[in-house]
Amino acid sequence: MGVAANSVRIDVHAEAERLLRAIDQRYSDGRRRLVETLLAATHPLVATDIADDDLPQSSVYRNLTVLEQAGVVSKVLTNGERAAFELAERLKGHHHHLVCVGCGQVLDIDLPADIERRLTDDMTSTARSAGFVLVGHRLDLLGRCSTCVTSDRDD
């Protein structure tokens, strides 16, 4: 089970299967294992962190691409072109990220409700003034993790 942004419990696997079916794809055992891995993770994972003996890296990349196309997973860009993956907001719930520009580590963060509300209001107004209708937002805060800051001091 997962928690959507409105705190209603949803069956992640049933929703993943529905989303895949909508793009004429199957919810194979490999894709189910990927979803299980991302569901258990406390932060977005890079493909090399997901691959194992049962799920080779080439299969992980191929299946992540299909899961992203279906809207089951989302890609979070880290440092450079490196990407991490997590369950999509509709399955995991709304949150933001701290991204280390040194090592690429990505951590999930939740903002207090009043800050989230003000942020949404301000972004809605900004989008509207540019002729856009806001449908959501993602916020990645870029910085250096404690390990990278410490190694900077040691240099």
Protein backbone atom coordinates (compact mmCIF):
# COMPACT_ATOMS: atom_id res chain seq x y z
CA MET A 1 0.00 0.00 0.00
CA GLY A 2 1.07 3.61 -0.54
CA VAL A 3 -0.16 7.00 0.53
CA ALA A 4 -1.31 9.46 -2.10
CA ALA A 5 -1.05 13.23 -1.65
CA ASN A 6 -4.53 13.39 -0.13
CA SER A 7 -3.61 10.67 2.43
CA VAL A 8 -6.05 8.15 0.94
CA ARG A 9 -4.51 4.68 1.01
CA ILE A 10 -4.22 3.14 -2.44
CA ASP A 11 -3.16 -0.26 -3.71
CA VAL A 12 0.13 0.60 -5.41
CA HIS A 13 0.24 -2.63 -7.40
CA ALA A 14 -3.32 -2.31 -8.69
CA GLU A 15 -2.65 1.29 -9.74
CA ALA A 16 0.66 0.34 -11.39
CA GLU A 17 -1.09 -2.42 -13.31
CA ARG A 18 -3.85 -0.02 -14.40
CA LEU A 19 -1.35 2.62 -15.57
CA LEU A 20 0.69 0.06 -17.51
CA ARG A 21 -2.42 -1.41 -19.12
CA ALA A 22 -3.35 2.11 -20.29
CA ILE A 23 -0.20 2.12 -22.46
CA ASP A 24 -0.63 -1.52 -23.57
CA GLN A 25 2.08 -2.87 -21.27
CA ARG A 26 2.02 -5.81 -18.85
CA TYR A 27 2.74 -5.66 -15.13
CA SER A 28 5.41 -8.34 -15.32
CA ASP A 29 7.18 -9.93 -12.36
CA GLY A 30 10.28 -7.82 -13.07
CA ARG A 31 8.25 -4.60 -13.05
CA ARG A 32 6.47 -5.69 -9.87
CA ARG A 33 9.87 -6.29 -8.21
CA LEU A 34 11.01 -2.81 -9.30
CA VAL A 35 7.87 -1.25 -7.83
CA GLU A 36 8.38 -3.24 -4.59
CA THR A 37 11.99 -2.04 -4.36
CA LEU A 38 10.99 1.60 -4.89
CA LEU A 39 8.07 1.24 -2.47
CA ALA A 40 10.45 0.01 0.27
CA ALA A 41 13.10 2.68 -0.43
CA THR A 42 13.40 5.73 1.81
CA HIS A 43 14.79 7.86 -1.04
CA PRO A 44 15.06 7.78 -4.85
CA LEU A 45 17.40 5.07 -6.18
CA VAL A 46 19.74 4.96 -9.16
CA ALA A 47 19.41 1.94 -11.44
CA THR A 48 22.71 0.46 -10.26
CA ASP A 49 21.33 0.41 -6.69
CA ILE A 50 18.30 -1.56 -7.88
CA ALA A 51 20.02 -4.16 -10.07
CA ASP A 52 20.84 -7.56 -8.56
CA ASP A 53 21.28 -11.18 -9.66
CA ASP A 54 17.55 -11.61 -10.31
CA LEU A 55 17.15 -8.27 -12.08
CA PRO A 56 20.12 -7.38 -14.32
CA GLN A 57 20.98 -3.73 -14.91
CA SER A 58 19.87 -3.77 -18.58
CA SER A 59 16.46 -5.08 -17.53
CA VAL A 60 16.22 -2.46 -14.76
CA TYR A 61 16.87 0.38 -17.22
CA ARG A 62 14.42 -1.01 -19.79
CA ASN A 63 11.65 -1.52 -17.22
CA LEU A 64 12.23 1.85 -15.53
CA THR A 65 11.74 3.51 -18.92
CA VAL A 66 8.39 1.76 -19.41
CA LEU A 67 7.31 2.46 -15.82
CA GLU A 68 8.18 6.14 -16.30
CA GLN A 69 6.21 6.30 -19.57
CA ALA A 70 3.21 4.80 -17.75
CA GLY A 71 3.45 7.32 -14.89
CA VAL A 72 4.33 4.70 -12.27
CA VAL A 73 7.80 6.10 -11.53
CA SER A 74 9.37 9.53 -11.74
CA LYS A 75 12.92 10.46 -12.59
CA VAL A 76 14.87 12.81 -10.32
CA LEU A 77 17.98 14.32 -11.91
CA THR A 78 20.94 14.34 -9.55
CA ASN A 79 24.38 15.69 -10.35
CA GLY A 80 25.15 15.87 -14.06
CA GLU A 81 23.01 13.56 -16.17
CA ARG A 82 22.72 10.91 -13.45
CA ALA A 83 19.13 10.02 -12.60
CA ALA A 84 17.46 8.43 -9.62
CA PHE A 85 13.97 6.93 -9.67
CA GLU A 86 11.09 6.82 -7.22
CA LEU A 87 7.41 5.96 -7.29
CA ALA A 88 5.35 8.71 -8.89
CA GLU A 89 3.69 11.25 -6.62
CA ARG A 90 0.24 9.69 -7.19
CA LEU A 91 1.59 6.49 -5.59
CA LYS A 92 4.02 7.85 -3.01
CA GLY A 93 2.53 11.19 -2.00
CA HIS A 94 3.69 14.77 -2.51
CA HIS A 95 7.19 15.65 -1.31
CA HIS A 96 10.37 17.44 -2.37
CA HIS A 97 14.08 16.58 -2.60
CA LEU A 98 17.46 17.59 -1.28
CA VAL A 99 20.00 16.85 -4.04
CA CYS A 100 23.74 16.77 -3.36
CA VAL A 101 25.58 18.37 -6.28
CA GLY A 102 28.76 16.59 -5.16
CA CYS A 103 27.86 12.91 -4.93
CA GLY A 104 24.32 12.90 -6.33
CA GLN A 105 22.61 11.65 -3.18
CA VAL A 106 18.87 12.46 -3.14
CA LEU A 107 16.82 12.70 0.04
CA ASP A 108 13.05 13.09 0.32
CA ILE A 109 11.77 16.00 2.39
CA ASP A 110 8.32 17.17 3.40
CA LEU A 111 7.56 20.83 3.92
CA PRO A 112 5.25 22.03 6.69
CA ALA A 113 1.67 22.38 5.44
CA ASP A 114 1.61 26.19 5.76
CA ILE A 115 4.80 26.57 3.70
CA GLU A 116 3.53 24.10 1.09
CA ARG A 117 0.27 26.05 0.84
CA ARG A 118 2.07 29.42 0.44
CA LEU A 119 4.46 27.93 -2.11
CA THR A 120 1.56 26.53 -4.14
CA ASP A 121 -0.34 29.83 -3.96
CA ASP A 122 2.70 31.86 -5.08
CA MET A 123 3.56 29.44 -7.88
CA THR A 124 -0.06 29.38 -9.05
CA SER A 125 -0.04 33.16 -9.28
CA THR A 126 3.32 33.20 -11.09
CA ALA A 127 2.17 30.54 -13.56
CA ARG A 128 -1.13 32.33 -14.17
CA SER A 129 0.69 35.61 -14.96
CA ALA A 130 2.70 33.71 -17.60
CA GLY A 131 -0.47 32.23 -19.12
CA PHE A 132 -0.07 28.78 -17.53
CA VAL A 133 -2.47 26.75 -15.43
CA LEU A 134 -0.50 25.09 -12.64
CA VAL A 135 -1.19 21.37 -12.28
CA GLY A 136 1.51 20.59 -9.71
CA HIS A 137 5.07 21.30 -8.73
CA ARG A 138 8.35 19.64 -7.88
CA LEU A 139 11.02 21.31 -5.80
CA ASP A 140 14.61 20.08 -5.70
CA LEU A 141 16.89 21.90 -3.29
CA LEU A 142 20.51 21.71 -4.46
CA GLY A 143 23.40 21.66 -2.03
CA ARG A 144 26.15 19.50 -0.60
CA CYS A 145 25.53 16.62 1.80
CA SER A 146 27.46 16.38 5.06
CA THR A 147 29.88 13.82 3.61
CA CYS A 148 30.77 16.07 0.67
CA VAL A 149 31.09 19.12 2.92
CA THR A 150 33.46 17.18 5.20
CA SER A 151 35.56 15.94 2.26
CA ASP A 152 35.75 19.55 0.94
CA ARG A 153 37.24 20.63 4.27
CA ASP A 154 39.78 17.78 4.15
CA ASP A 155 41.10 18.87 0.73
